[in-house]
Amino acid sequence: MNIVFMGSPDFAVPCLKALIDSGETVQAVLTQPDKARGRRGNKLMPTPVKELALQHDIPVYQPVSLKKGDEGEQICSLLEQLAPELIVVVAYGKILPKRVLDIPKHGCINVHASLLPRYRGAAPIQWCVLNGERETGVTTMLMAEGLDTGDMLLKSRTEIGSSETASELHDRLSEMGARLLLDTVQAVRDNSLHPEKQDDSLSNYAPMLTKDMCPLDFSMTAEQVHHKICGLSAAPCATAYIGDRRLKLYRSELSDITSDMAVGSVVKDKYFTVVCGDGKCIRIIEVQADGGKRMNAADFLRGNRIEAGTVLTGEPV
């Protein structure tokens, strides 16, 4: 089947690879423009999707906009000339105008990392973990002009591990999405899909994460603090302070210890255990101090003596 693929980050790579490996004809790839990276911001880096496409000699286009000006007109005209049977969109990062949605014979199919209609938006994986959901998955849908509002096609479900981080879940869902995409493409070919409208009353929104979410508030329950650490890992990453020294907390687990010590206090045990607002505790598993390396908490404690009763705070003191 003749397919145009639109995607940008790591999450989209397994989907593009699956299409290539299965023998589909990927006519072109649209992805975000190269971005300046590095300490001085003077090196332009391609998206992961662009790197894969170039390895397979697939033409790559990186428009700033699909809607505005001469560039938008040129891209729309190009797509009309290619006349793909299907457009596949995976974490592309741009909204498709109606003119593009109307081009392919079989429509535009999106691979979305949630069980729609729940968690529409840019960060469904992270918000599922932040909110302590027990289950999530991937949905393929026919794209419409709204944000993740199109008719649902196929779903694949998975449980979320009790201490699974958003970055770990991201990697699992990206592979699940690739398999579900191939099933969806085959169903398109077989004309066996049965699109299902979304119930808007069941939807919620998963906005982009911001750095102002990073500071931890240990007055929350242990479960809430734990979910925040897992949900923000590995970026933008939960943070806490010992005095004026900032720590990034990448991984935690719930402890069976309870304590009446002050909120944020380090408990005297062999682990890096911290008291939360409900008297229950979390155990910090992976940590990084400013200027240091990301490491197991046990290794961190060997090089950084932290007395019992030391208080972790969300802001420097």
Foldseek 3Di string as FASTA:
>chain_A
DEEEEAAFAPLQVLQVVLCVVVPHHHQAYEAAFFFQDDPVSPDTDGTPNVVVCVVVPHHYDHDPDLPDDPSVVVVLVVLLVSQGQEYEYEHRPYQDDPSNQPRHVLGYKYKAWWDPPEAFEDQSLLVCLLVPPQKTWIWIFGDDRDGPQGFTWDIDMDTADQFAASVNVSVVRSNRSNVVVVVVVVCSVVVNTDTHGGDVVPYDYDYDDDPVLAFDDQLDAQSNRSSSQRSCPPPPFHWKDQAQWIKGFNTKHWDPDFAPADRQWQAPDLFRWGAGNVRTIMTGAWMAIVVGDIDGRNVVCVVPPDDGGRGIGRHHD
